[in-house]
Amino acid sequence: MNQEIVDITIIGGGPTGLFSTFYAGMREMSVKIIDSLPQLGGQLIELYPDKYIYDVGGFPKILAKDLISNLVTQAHYAKPEICLGEAALSVEKKDDHFVLTTDKGQHLTRTILLTAGIGAFQPRKIGLKEESVFEGKTLHYGIKDLSMFKDQEILVCGGGDSALDWALMLENIAKRVTLVHRRERFTAHETSVNQLHNSTVNVLTSHAISEIHGDGETIEKVVLKEKDGNEKQLEVDHVVVNYGNISSLGPLKQWGLDMDRNSIIVNSRMETTIEGIYAAGDVTTYDGKVKLIAVGMGEAPIAISHAKAFLDPKAKVQPLHSTSVFG
């Protein structure tokens, strides 16, 4: 039996991909969504499901896992075919459609929307040989269950938004939270930095972990080294490392798309340099680009609407308002 050719295949199941899926349904397009992770949600679910998101319109704050749950429910309006644990490898144009090859097979699609975020990612590590001994036990690169840190001595490493967010969220759960940062200045938002300085979190700047000691599963203490070489020991139960991620678009870089480092260059229609392939969200770049969830959600309807007009020249780029569709 011949495989169905869908109108659009969305590669990436994070917030932008999920909202794009919903919007494809709004434009009456058949849609398939592919993600290399075993669940939808991207980084939000993989790294910080219990972290609050503050910069999505309409939500003063919302847990990452709750935002994804809402987006998944919304995306199901489009009745998408969902393919998880499947990595996109290559693409080939054939007649009026693309043949998209993954590590599990082939998919036929008239257009493609890339919403791959930062691509495949791995956390940046401390760089100590003993680090691997404690990984997944009492050394963490993200937090999926806040309750495991209740009444514990916690050391959070890093100076960006994630590190400060975790330190502040753990403040009222842990026995004590210490935040250690290798530099004097933080790279997090000013609001978070001010909250940190007004909190009970013990803040140590210009310090870095030089040694980790424990019984092979449980960390008992760490050695912190200052810039001047002085050292201090700190007793801890858990270490949370937030040094960011090393990301790569992997095989997508071989598709012949115009790239700027690890981002795909798009125009105001979210078109890439390959006709019929669009991109939206953190995977894209253009003059003035700001990488936020809210921005990706704004780019999603632009990409979908132009893909719709590409498939059907009689279709208007400007869609009906949702109140008209659902009313």
C-alpha atoms as a PDB file:
ATOM      1  CA  MET A   1       0.000   0.000   0.000  1.00  0.00           C
ATOM      2  CA  ASN A   2       1.336   3.445  -0.907  1.00  0.00           C
ATOM      3  CA  GLN A   3       2.365   5.646   1.993  1.00  0.00           C
ATOM      4  CA  GLU A   4       0.281   8.771   2.529  1.00  0.00           C
ATOM      5  CA  ILE A   5       1.920  12.077   1.632  1.00  0.00           C
ATOM      6  CA  VAL A   6       1.147  14.586   4.398  1.00  0.00           C
ATOM      7  CA  ASP A   7       0.930  18.320   3.826  1.00  0.00           C
ATOM      8  CA  ILE A   8       3.606  19.178   6.381  1.00  0.00           C
ATOM      9  CA  THR A   9       6.044  17.308   8.593  1.00  0.00           C
ATOM     10  CA  ILE A  10       7.288  19.123  11.673  1.00  0.00           C
ATOM     11  CA  ILE A  11      10.696  18.078  12.963  1.00  0.00           C
ATOM     12  CA  GLY A  12      10.954  18.923  16.648  1.00  0.00           C
ATOM     13  CA  GLY A  13       8.409  18.370  19.410  1.00  0.00           C
ATOM     14  CA  GLY A  14       9.187  21.304  21.696  1.00  0.00           C
ATOM     15  CA  PRO A  15       6.885  24.297  22.306  1.00  0.00           C
ATOM     16  CA  THR A  16       7.294  25.768  18.812  1.00  0.00           C
ATOM     17  CA  GLY A  17       6.760  22.403  17.127  1.00  0.00           C
ATOM     18  CA  LEU A  18       3.671  21.665  19.199  1.00  0.00           C
ATOM     19  CA  PHE A  19       2.078  25.053  18.559  1.00  0.00           C
ATOM     20  CA  SER A  20       2.942  24.709  14.864  1.00  0.00           C
ATOM     21  CA  THR A  21       1.150  21.355  14.848  1.00  0.00           C
ATOM     22  CA  PHE A  22      -1.987  22.943  16.260  1.00  0.00           C
ATOM     23  CA  TYR A  23      -1.812  25.770  13.763  1.00  0.00           C
ATOM     24  CA  ALA A  24      -1.422  23.355  10.849  1.00  0.00           C
ATOM     25  CA  GLY A  25      -4.716  21.886  12.003  1.00  0.00           C
ATOM     26  CA  MET A  26      -6.219  25.362  12.052  1.00  0.00           C
ATOM     27  CA  ARG A  27      -5.192  25.754   8.411  1.00  0.00           C
ATOM     28  CA  GLU A  28      -6.713  22.325   7.611  1.00  0.00           C
ATOM     29  CA  MET A  29      -3.369  20.721   6.773  1.00  0.00           C
ATOM     30  CA  SER A  30      -2.495  17.078   7.394  1.00  0.00           C
ATOM     31  CA  VAL A  31       0.468  17.014   9.740  1.00  0.00           C
ATOM     32  CA  LYS A  32       3.106  14.676  11.112  1.00  0.00           C
ATOM     33  CA  ILE A  33       5.479  15.500  13.955  1.00  0.00           C
ATOM     34  CA  ILE A  34       8.839  13.781  14.418  1.00  0.00           C
ATOM     35  CA  ASP A  35      11.144  14.041  17.437  1.00  0.00           C
ATOM     36  CA  SER A  36      14.297  12.158  18.420  1.00  0.00           C
ATOM     37  CA  LEU A  37      13.339  12.182  22.107  1.00  0.00           C
ATOM     38  CA  PRO A  38      11.027   9.503  23.561  1.00  0.00           C
ATOM     39  CA  GLN A  39       8.439  12.099  24.586  1.00  0.00           C
ATOM     40  CA  LEU A  40       7.105  15.429  23.368  1.00  0.00           C
ATOM     41  CA  GLY A  41       8.272  18.627  25.032  1.00  0.00           C
ATOM     42  CA  GLY A  42      11.893  19.072  24.028  1.00  0.00           C
ATOM     43  CA  GLN A  43      14.247  20.666  26.536  1.00  0.00           C
ATOM     44  CA  LEU A  44      11.405  21.708  28.806  1.00  0.00           C
ATOM     45  CA  ILE A  45      10.538  18.103  29.614  1.00  0.00           C
ATOM     46  CA  GLU A  46      13.999  16.607  29.225  1.00  0.00           C
ATOM     47  CA  LEU A  47      15.872  19.078  31.442  1.00  0.00           C
ATOM     48  CA  TYR A  48      13.546  21.090  33.676  1.00  0.00           C
ATOM     49  CA  PRO A  49       9.912  19.955  33.820  1.00  0.00           C
ATOM     50  CA  ASP A  50       9.476  21.413  37.328  1.00  0.00           C
ATOM     51  CA  LYS A  51      10.961  24.795  36.449  1.00  0.00           C
ATOM     52  CA  TYR A  52       8.672  27.805  36.169  1.00  0.00           C
ATOM     53  CA  ILE A  53       8.404  29.641  32.844  1.00  0.00           C
ATOM     54  CA  TYR A  54       7.671  33.364  33.227  1.00  0.00           C
ATOM     55  CA  ASP A  55       7.809  34.840  29.721  1.00  0.00           C
ATOM     56  CA  VAL A  56       4.873  33.192  27.942  1.00  0.00           C
ATOM     57  CA  GLY A  57       1.953  35.535  27.320  1.00  0.00           C
ATOM     58  CA  GLY A  58      -1.098  34.944  29.490  1.00  0.00           C
ATOM     59  CA  PHE A  59       0.772  32.998  32.174  1.00  0.00           C
ATOM     60  CA  PRO A  60       2.357  35.037  35.000  1.00  0.00           C
ATOM     61  CA  LYS A  61       4.197  31.787  35.667  1.00  0.00           C
ATOM     62  CA  ILE A  62       3.659  28.186  34.621  1.00  0.00           C
ATOM     63  CA  LEU A  63       5.580  24.980  35.246  1.00  0.00           C
ATOM     64  CA  ALA A  64       7.363  23.752  32.123  1.00  0.00           C
ATOM     65  CA  LYS A  65       5.592  20.390  32.323  1.00  0.00           C
ATOM     66  CA  ASP A  66       2.190  22.088  32.575  1.00  0.00           C
ATOM     67  CA  LEU A  67       2.932  24.323  29.590  1.00  0.00           C
ATOM     68  CA  ILE A  68       3.884  21.260  27.545  1.00  0.00           C
ATOM     69  CA  SER A  69       0.789  19.379  28.729  1.00  0.00           C
ATOM     70  CA  ASN A  70      -1.387  22.258  27.515  1.00  0.00           C
ATOM     71  CA  LEU A  71       0.468  22.435  24.197  1.00  0.00           C
ATOM     72  CA  VAL A  72       0.146  18.678  23.619  1.00  0.00           C
ATOM     73  CA  THR A  73      -3.600  18.868  24.284  1.00  0.00           C
ATOM     74  CA  GLN A  74      -3.850  21.810  21.888  1.00  0.00           C
ATOM     75  CA  ALA A  75      -1.757  20.039  19.223  1.00  0.00           C
ATOM     76  CA  HIS A  76      -4.093  17.036  19.191  1.00  0.00           C
ATOM     77  CA  TYR A  77      -6.690  19.293  17.541  1.00  0.00           C
ATOM     78  CA  ALA A  78      -4.742  18.706  14.302  1.00  0.00           C
ATOM     79  CA  LYS A  79      -4.964  14.901  14.694  1.00  0.00           C
ATOM     80  CA  PRO A  80      -1.228  14.602  13.948  1.00  0.00           C
ATOM     81  CA  GLU A  81       0.708  11.426  13.350  1.00  0.00           C
ATOM     82  CA  ILE A  82       3.357  11.454  16.096  1.00  0.00           C
ATOM     83  CA  CYS A  83       6.705   9.698  15.604  1.00  0.00           C
ATOM     84  CA  LEU A  84       8.906   9.715  18.731  1.00  0.00           C
ATOM     85  CA  GLY A  85      12.402   8.364  19.266  1.00  0.00           C
ATOM     86  CA  GLU A  86      13.104   8.983  15.595  1.00  0.00           C
ATOM     87  CA  ALA A  87      15.948  11.168  14.295  1.00  0.00           C
ATOM     88  CA  ALA A  88      15.792  12.935  10.920  1.00  0.00           C
ATOM     89  CA  LEU A  89      18.781  12.097   8.717  1.00  0.00           C
ATOM     90  CA  SER A  90      18.348  13.290   5.134  1.00  0.00           C
ATOM     91  CA  VAL A  91      15.853  14.767   2.691  1.00  0.00           C
ATOM     92  CA  GLU A  92      15.378  14.431  -1.055  1.00  0.00           C
ATOM     93  CA  LYS A  93      12.958  16.226  -3.376  1.00  0.00           C
ATOM     94  CA  LYS A  94      10.917  13.881  -5.574  1.00  0.00           C
ATOM     95  CA  ASP A  95       8.262  15.240  -7.929  1.00  0.00           C
ATOM     96  CA  ASP A  96       5.867  17.339  -5.793  1.00  0.00           C
ATOM     97  CA  HIS A  97       7.026  16.123  -2.382  1.00  0.00           C
ATOM     98  CA  PHE A  98      10.000  15.367  -0.165  1.00  0.00           C
ATOM     99  CA  VAL A  99      11.258  11.961   0.882  1.00  0.00           C
ATOM    100  CA  LEU A 100      12.412  12.403   4.475  1.00  0.00           C
ATOM    101  CA  THR A 101      14.666   9.627   5.754  1.00  0.00           C
ATOM    102  CA  THR A 102      15.039   8.983   9.486  1.00  0.00           C
ATOM    103  CA  ASP A 103      16.877   6.322  11.453  1.00  0.00           C
ATOM    104  CA  LYS A 104      13.645   4.296  11.396  1.00  0.00           C
ATOM    105  CA  GLY A 105      12.379   4.671   7.859  1.00  0.00           C
ATOM    106  CA  GLN A 106      11.059   7.132   5.296  1.00  0.00           C
ATOM    107  CA  HIS A 107       8.272   9.724   5.368  1.00  0.00           C
ATOM    108  CA  LEU A 108       6.603  11.453   2.440  1.00  0.00           C
ATOM    109  CA  THR A 109       5.660  15.093   2.890  1.00  0.00           C
ATOM    110  CA  ARG A 110       4.848  18.085   0.703  1.00  0.00           C
ATOM    111  CA  THR A 111       6.516  20.600   3.025  1.00  0.00           C
ATOM    112  CA  ILE A 112       8.781  20.486   6.080  1.00  0.00           C
ATOM    113  CA  LEU A 113       8.959  22.744   9.115  1.00  0.00           C
ATOM    114  CA  LEU A 114      12.107  22.572  11.231  1.00  0.00           C
ATOM    115  CA  THR A 115      11.491  23.409  14.891  1.00  0.00           C
ATOM    116  CA  ALA A 116      14.483  21.533  16.270  1.00  0.00           C
ATOM    117  CA  GLY A 117      15.426  24.097  18.918  1.00  0.00           C
ATOM    118  CA  ILE A 118      19.125  23.830  19.667  1.00  0.00           C
ATOM    119  CA  GLY A 119      19.208  20.367  18.121  1.00  0.00           C
ATOM    120  CA  ALA A 120      20.507  17.321  19.933  1.00  0.00           C
ATOM    121  CA  PHE A 121      22.043  18.455  23.183  1.00  0.00           C
ATOM    122  CA  GLN A 122      24.335  17.227  25.911  1.00  0.00           C
ATOM    123  CA  PRO A 123      24.951  19.061  29.181  1.00  0.00           C
ATOM    124  CA  ARG A 124      28.275  20.793  29.724  1.00  0.00           C
ATOM    125  CA  LYS A 125      30.037  18.973  32.533  1.00  0.00           C
ATOM    126  CA  ILE A 126      32.364  20.083  35.293  1.00  0.00           C
ATOM    127  CA  GLY A 127      35.268  18.242  33.704  1.00  0.00           C
ATOM    128  CA  LEU A 128      36.385  16.122  36.668  1.00  0.00           C
ATOM    129  CA  LYS A 129      37.229  12.434  36.262  1.00  0.00           C
ATOM    130  CA  GLU A 130      35.166  11.489  39.324  1.00  0.00           C
ATOM    131  CA  GLU A 131      32.108  13.259  37.902  1.00  0.00           C
ATOM    132  CA  SER A 132      30.802  10.213  36.027  1.00  0.00           C
ATOM    133  CA  VAL A 133      30.736   8.134  39.229  1.00  0.00           C
ATOM    134  CA  PHE A 134      27.933  10.250  40.701  1.00  0.00           C
ATOM    135  CA  GLU A 135      25.956  11.120  37.536  1.00  0.00           C
ATOM    136  CA  GLY A 136      22.287  10.212  37.778  1.00  0.00           C
ATOM    137  CA  LYS A 137      22.628   9.568  41.513  1.00  0.00           C
ATOM    138  CA  THR A 138      23.561  12.696  43.446  1.00  0.00           C
ATOM    139  CA  LEU A 139      25.033  14.750  40.601  1.00  0.00           C
ATOM    140  CA  HIS A 140      22.428  16.222  38.253  1.00  0.00           C
ATOM    141  CA  TYR A 141      22.380  18.320  35.064  1.00  0.00           C
ATOM    142  CA  GLY A 142      18.668  19.024  35.354  1.00  0.00           C
ATOM    143  CA  ILE A 143      15.895  18.480  37.889  1.00  0.00           C
ATOM    144  CA  LYS A 144      12.861  16.324  37.188  1.00  0.00           C
ATOM    145  CA  ASP A 145      11.628  15.824  40.758  1.00  0.00           C
ATOM    146  CA  LEU A 146      12.039  18.617  43.298  1.00  0.00           C
ATOM    147  CA  SER A 147      10.897  16.407  46.185  1.00  0.00           C
ATOM    148  CA  MET A 148      14.127  14.384  46.172  1.00  0.00           C
ATOM    149  CA  PHE A 149      15.969  17.469  47.436  1.00  0.00           C
ATOM    150  CA  LYS A 150      13.765  18.005  50.491  1.00  0.00           C
ATOM    151  CA  ASP A 151      15.813  18.845  53.600  1.00  0.00           C
ATOM    152  CA  GLN A 152      19.086  18.217  51.739  1.00  0.00           C
ATOM    153  CA  GLU A 153      22.298  20.233  51.428  1.00  0.00           C
ATOM    154  CA  ILE A 154      22.341  21.353  47.793  1.00  0.00           C
ATOM    155  CA  LEU A 155      25.113  22.908  45.714  1.00  0.00           C
ATOM    156  CA  VAL A 156      24.020  24.553  42.446  1.00  0.00           C
ATOM    157  CA  CYS A 157      26.751  25.387  39.920  1.00  0.00           C
ATOM    158  CA  GLY A 158      26.391  28.090  37.283  1.00  0.00           C
ATOM    159  CA  GLY A 159      25.574  31.744  36.752  1.00  0.00           C
ATOM    160  CA  GLY A 160      22.874  31.712  34.084  1.00  0.00           C
ATOM    161  CA  ASP A 161      19.095  31.734  34.227  1.00  0.00           C
ATOM    162  CA  SER A 162      18.687  27.992  34.854  1.00  0.00           C
ATOM    163  CA  ALA A 163      21.171  27.938  37.722  1.00  0.00           C
ATOM    164  CA  LEU A 164      19.551  30.888  39.483  1.00  0.00           C
ATOM    165  CA  ASP A 165      16.041  29.574  38.854  1.00  0.00           C
ATOM    166  CA  TRP A 166      16.903  26.205  40.397  1.00  0.00           C
ATOM    167  CA  ALA A 167      18.637  27.781  43.376  1.00  0.00           C
ATOM    168  CA  LEU A 168      15.608  29.965  44.086  1.00  0.00           C
ATOM    169  CA  MET A 169      13.116  27.116  43.571  1.00  0.00           C
ATOM    170  CA  LEU A 170      15.089  24.872  45.925  1.00  0.00           C
ATOM    171  CA  GLU A 171      15.398  27.566  48.588  1.00  0.00           C
ATOM    172  CA  ASN A 172      12.190  26.572  50.412  1.00  0.00           C
ATOM    173  CA  ILE A 173      12.612  22.830  49.812  1.00  0.00           C
ATOM    174  CA  ALA A 174      16.230  22.089  50.685  1.00  0.00           C
ATOM    175  CA  LYS A 175      17.862  22.396  54.071  1.00  0.00           C
ATOM    176  CA  ARG A 176      20.368  24.812  52.555  1.00  0.00           C
ATOM    177  CA  VAL A 177      21.227  25.924  49.029  1.00  0.00           C
ATOM    178  CA  THR A 178      24.627  27.185  47.956  1.00  0.00           C
ATOM    179  CA  LEU A 179      25.159  28.678  44.506  1.00  0.00           C
ATOM    180  CA  VAL A 180      28.717  28.667  43.182  1.00  0.00           C
ATOM    181  CA  HIS A 181      29.712  30.599  40.062  1.00  0.00           C
ATOM    182  CA  ARG A 182      33.097  30.683  38.385  1.00  0.00           C
ATOM    183  CA  ARG A 183      32.853  34.387  37.604  1.00  0.00           C
ATOM    184  CA  GLU A 184      32.041  37.525  39.575  1.00  0.00           C
ATOM    185  CA  ARG A 185      29.089  38.570  37.423  1.00  0.00           C
ATOM    186  CA  PHE A 186      25.987  36.559  36.562  1.00  0.00           C
ATOM    187  CA  THR A 187      24.571  36.172  33.047  1.00  0.00           C
ATOM    188  CA  ALA A 188      20.995  35.629  34.276  1.00  0.00           C
ATOM    189  CA  HIS A 189      18.200  38.188  33.960  1.00  0.00           C
ATOM    190  CA  GLU A 190      18.502  41.168  36.291  1.00  0.00           C
ATOM    191  CA  THR A 191      15.268  40.219  38.075  1.00  0.00           C
ATOM    192  CA  SER A 192      16.630  36.778  38.959  1.00  0.00           C
ATOM    193  CA  VAL A 193      19.925  38.238  40.167  1.00  0.00           C
ATOM    194  CA  ASN A 194      18.078  40.666  42.448  1.00  0.00           C
ATOM    195  CA  GLN A 195      15.889  37.844  43.795  1.00  0.00           C
ATOM    196  CA  LEU A 196      18.995  35.770  44.457  1.00  0.00           C
ATOM    197  CA  HIS A 197      20.677  38.519  46.471  1.00  0.00           C
ATOM    198  CA  ASN A 198      17.490  38.983  48.508  1.00  0.00           C
ATOM    199  CA  SER A 199      17.170  35.253  49.216  1.00  0.00           C
ATOM    200  CA  THR A 200      18.700  32.923  51.795  1.00  0.00           C
ATOM    201  CA  VAL A 201      20.805  31.184  49.138  1.00  0.00           C
ATOM    202  CA  ASN A 202      24.503  31.154  50.043  1.00  0.00           C
ATOM    203  CA  VAL A 203      26.222  32.757  47.040  1.00  0.00           C
ATOM    204  CA  LEU A 204      29.888  32.106  46.238  1.00  0.00           C
ATOM    205  CA  THR A 205      31.253  33.878  43.166  1.00  0.00           C
ATOM    206  CA  SER A 206      34.735  33.443  41.670  1.00  0.00           C
ATOM    207  CA  HIS A 207      34.695  29.822  42.890  1.00  0.00           C
ATOM    208  CA  ALA A 208      34.733  26.533  40.994  1.00  0.00           C
ATOM    209  CA  ILE A 209      34.511  22.862  41.992  1.00  0.00           C
ATOM    210  CA  SER A 210      37.952  21.246  41.924  1.00  0.00           C
ATOM    211  CA  GLU A 211      37.164  17.941  43.668  1.00  0.00           C
ATOM    212  CA  ILE A 212      34.147  15.756  44.496  1.00  0.00           C
ATOM    213  CA  HIS A 213      34.294  13.228  47.333  1.00  0.00           C
ATOM    214  CA  GLY A 214      31.828  10.508  48.317  1.00  0.00           C
ATOM    215  CA  ASP A 215      31.172   6.780  48.543  1.00  0.00           C
ATOM    216  CA  GLY A 216      30.662   6.197  44.826  1.00  0.00           C
ATOM    217  CA  GLU A 217      26.952   6.990  44.809  1.00  0.00           C
ATOM    218  CA  THR A 218      26.374   9.677  47.413  1.00  0.00           C
ATOM    219  CA  ILE A 219      28.360  12.898  47.315  1.00  0.00           C
ATOM    220  CA  GLU A 220      29.588  13.843  50.775  1.00  0.00           C
ATOM    221  CA  LYS A 221      31.665  16.959  50.151  1.00  0.00           C
ATOM    222  CA  VAL A 222      33.197  19.083  47.428  1.00  0.00           C
ATOM    223  CA  VAL A 223      36.323  21.203  47.297  1.00  0.00           C
ATOM    224  CA  LEU A 224      35.871  24.719  45.943  1.00  0.00           C
ATOM    225  CA  LYS A 225      38.832  26.657  44.603  1.00  0.00           C
ATOM    226  CA  GLU A 226      38.961  30.437  44.402  1.00  0.00           C
ATOM    227  CA  LYS A 227      40.729  32.379  41.658  1.00  0.00           C
ATOM    228  CA  ASP A 228      43.632  33.108  44.010  1.00  0.00           C
ATOM    229  CA  GLY A 229      44.109  29.377  44.626  1.00  0.00           C
ATOM    230  CA  ASN A 230      42.600  29.224  48.100  1.00  0.00           C
ATOM    231  CA  GLU A 231      40.392  26.185  48.735  1.00  0.00           C
ATOM    232  CA  LYS A 232      37.431  25.473  50.965  1.00  0.00           C
ATOM    233  CA  GLN A 233      35.457  22.314  51.645  1.00  0.00           C
ATOM    234  CA  LEU A 234      31.690  22.175  51.597  1.00  0.00           C
ATOM    235  CA  GLU A 235      29.525  19.305  52.820  1.00  0.00           C
ATOM    236  CA  VAL A 236      26.699  18.594  50.348  1.00  0.00           C
ATOM    237  CA  ASP A 237      24.154  15.882  49.550  1.00  0.00           C
ATOM    238  CA  HIS A 238      23.478  16.794  45.920  1.00  0.00           C
ATOM    239  CA  VAL A 239      25.206  18.837  43.215  1.00  0.00           C
ATOM    240  CA  VAL A 240      23.182  20.415  40.395  1.00  0.00           C
ATOM    241  CA  VAL A 241      25.293  21.540  37.421  1.00  0.00           C
ATOM    242  CA  ASN A 242      23.889  24.209  35.099  1.00  0.00           C
ATOM    243  CA  TYR A 243      26.717  25.122  32.731  1.00  0.00           C
ATOM    244  CA  GLY A 244      24.470  25.051  29.675  1.00  0.00           C
ATOM    245  CA  ASN A 245      24.412  22.544  26.841  1.00  0.00           C
ATOM    246  CA  ILE A 246      26.573  21.509  23.928  1.00  0.00           C
ATOM    247  CA  SER A 247      24.201  21.323  20.998  1.00  0.00           C
ATOM    248  CA  SER A 248      24.357  20.194  17.404  1.00  0.00           C
ATOM    249  CA  LEU A 249      21.906  20.024  14.535  1.00  0.00           C
ATOM    250  CA  GLY A 250      23.676  16.850  13.405  1.00  0.00           C
ATOM    251  CA  PRO A 251      22.557  15.593   9.957  1.00  0.00           C
ATOM    252  CA  LEU A 252      20.416  18.709   9.362  1.00  0.00           C
ATOM    253  CA  LYS A 253      23.652  20.582   8.717  1.00  0.00           C
ATOM    254  CA  GLN A 254      24.140  18.445   5.609  1.00  0.00           C
ATOM    255  CA  TRP A 255      20.809  19.369   4.007  1.00  0.00           C
ATOM    256  CA  GLY A 256      22.265  22.313   2.085  1.00  0.00           C
ATOM    257  CA  LEU A 257      20.456  24.977   4.115  1.00  0.00           C
ATOM    258  CA  ASP A 258      22.105  28.361   4.621  1.00  0.00           C
ATOM    259  CA  MET A 259      23.445  28.360   8.173  1.00  0.00           C
ATOM    260  CA  ASP A 260      24.939  30.835  10.614  1.00  0.00           C
ATOM    261  CA  ARG A 261      26.918  28.645  12.993  1.00  0.00           C
ATOM    262  CA  ASN A 262      24.302  26.337  14.553  1.00  0.00           C
ATOM    263  CA  SER A 263      21.238  28.254  13.341  1.00  0.00           C
ATOM    264  CA  ILE A 264      19.243  28.106  10.112  1.00  0.00           C
ATOM    265  CA  ILE A 265      18.879  31.384   8.224  1.00  0.00           C
ATOM    266  CA  VAL A 266      15.270  32.250   7.342  1.00  0.00           C
ATOM    267  CA  ASN A 267      13.466  35.234   5.825  1.00  0.00           C
ATOM    268  CA  SER A 268      10.370  37.024   7.115  1.00  0.00           C
ATOM    269  CA  ARG A 269       8.188  34.167   5.842  1.00  0.00           C
ATOM    270  CA  MET A 270      10.218  31.632   7.841  1.00  0.00           C
ATOM    271  CA  GLU A 271      11.419  30.194   4.524  1.00  0.00           C
ATOM    272  CA  THR A 272      14.819  28.536   4.333  1.00  0.00           C
ATOM    273  CA  THR A 273      16.912  28.541   1.164  1.00  0.00           C
ATOM    274  CA  ILE A 274      15.246  25.282   0.064  1.00  0.00           C
ATOM    275  CA  GLU A 275      11.776  25.856  -1.390  1.00  0.00           C
ATOM    276  CA  GLY A 276       9.157  24.053   0.655  1.00  0.00           C
ATOM    277  CA  ILE A 277      11.292  23.826   3.812  1.00  0.00           C
ATOM    278  CA  TYR A 278      10.544  26.277   6.626  1.00  0.00           C
ATOM    279  CA  ALA A 279      11.999  26.792  10.091  1.00  0.00           C
ATOM    280  CA  ALA A 280      10.816  28.460  13.298  1.00  0.00           C
ATOM    281  CA  GLY A 281      11.867  28.859  16.915  1.00  0.00           C
ATOM    282  CA  ASP A 282      15.335  28.702  18.436  1.00  0.00           C
ATOM    283  CA  VAL A 283      16.742  26.797  15.452  1.00  0.00           C
ATOM    284  CA  THR A 284      16.418  29.937  13.287  1.00  0.00           C
ATOM    285  CA  THR A 285      18.284  33.181  12.909  1.00  0.00           C
ATOM    286  CA  TYR A 286      17.629  36.469  11.116  1.00  0.00           C
ATOM    287  CA  ASP A 287      18.462  40.110  11.718  1.00  0.00           C
ATOM    288  CA  GLY A 288      17.070  41.075  15.116  1.00  0.00           C
ATOM    289  CA  LYS A 289      16.236  37.505  16.188  1.00  0.00           C
ATOM    290  CA  VAL A 290      15.425  36.954  19.872  1.00  0.00           C
ATOM    291  CA  LYS A 291      15.421  33.350  21.080  1.00  0.00           C
ATOM    292  CA  LEU A 292      12.458  32.944  23.422  1.00  0.00           C
ATOM    293  CA  ILE A 293       9.556  30.478  23.622  1.00  0.00           C
ATOM    294  CA  ALA A 294       7.170  33.379  23.021  1.00  0.00           C
ATOM    295  CA  VAL A 295       8.999  34.339  19.819  1.00  0.00           C
ATOM    296  CA  GLY A 296       8.901  30.760  18.504  1.00  0.00           C
ATOM    297  CA  MET A 297       5.168  30.630  19.102  1.00  0.00           C
ATOM    298  CA  GLY A 298       4.795  33.814  17.075  1.00  0.00           C
ATOM    299  CA  GLU A 299       6.896  32.434  14.226  1.00  0.00           C
ATOM    300  CA  ALA A 300       4.859  29.201  14.082  1.00  0.00           C
ATOM    301  CA  PRO A 301       1.702  30.711  12.483  1.00  0.00           C
ATOM    302  CA  ILE A 302       3.893  32.655  10.018  1.00  0.00           C
ATOM    303  CA  ALA A 303       5.656  29.480   8.853  1.00  0.00           C
ATOM    304  CA  ILE A 304       2.468  27.415   8.704  1.00  0.00           C
ATOM    305  CA  SER A 305       0.475  30.086   6.860  1.00  0.00           C
ATOM    306  CA  HIS A 306       3.141  30.518   4.196  1.00  0.00           C
ATOM    307  CA  ALA A 307       3.472  26.733   3.837  1.00  0.00           C
ATOM    308  CA  LYS A 308      -0.298  26.609   3.334  1.00  0.00           C
ATOM    309  CA  ALA A 309      -0.110  29.272   0.596  1.00  0.00           C
ATOM    310  CA  PHE A 310       2.810  27.411  -1.003  1.00  0.00           C
ATOM    311  CA  LEU A 311       0.692  24.253  -1.242  1.00  0.00           C
ATOM    312  CA  ASP A 312      -2.467  26.060  -2.305  1.00  0.00           C
ATOM    313  CA  PRO A 313      -1.879  29.381  -4.129  1.00  0.00           C
ATOM    314  CA  LYS A 314      -5.588  30.162  -3.714  1.00  0.00           C
ATOM    315  CA  ALA A 315      -5.258  30.069   0.076  1.00  0.00           C
ATOM    316  CA  LYS A 316      -4.806  33.358   1.896  1.00  0.00           C
ATOM    317  CA  VAL A 317      -1.662  33.817   3.953  1.00  0.00           C
ATOM    318  CA  GLN A 318      -3.699  35.755   6.506  1.00  0.00           C
ATOM    319  CA  PRO A 319      -5.759  33.142   8.379  1.00  0.00           C
ATOM    320  CA  LEU A 320      -9.166  33.555   9.906  1.00  0.00           C
ATOM    321  CA  HIS A 321      -9.159  34.529  13.578  1.00  0.00           C
ATOM    322  CA  SER A 322      -9.599  31.561  15.898  1.00  0.00           C
ATOM    323  CA  THR A 323     -12.876  32.996  17.164  1.00  0.00           C
ATOM    324  CA  SER A 324     -14.230  32.646  13.631  1.00  0.00           C
ATOM    325  CA  VAL A 325     -12.963  29.079  13.253  1.00  0.00           C
ATOM    326  CA  PHE A 326     -14.252  27.832  16.595  1.00  0.00           C
ATOM    327  CA  GLY A 327     -17.194  30.182  16.967  1.00  0.00           C
END
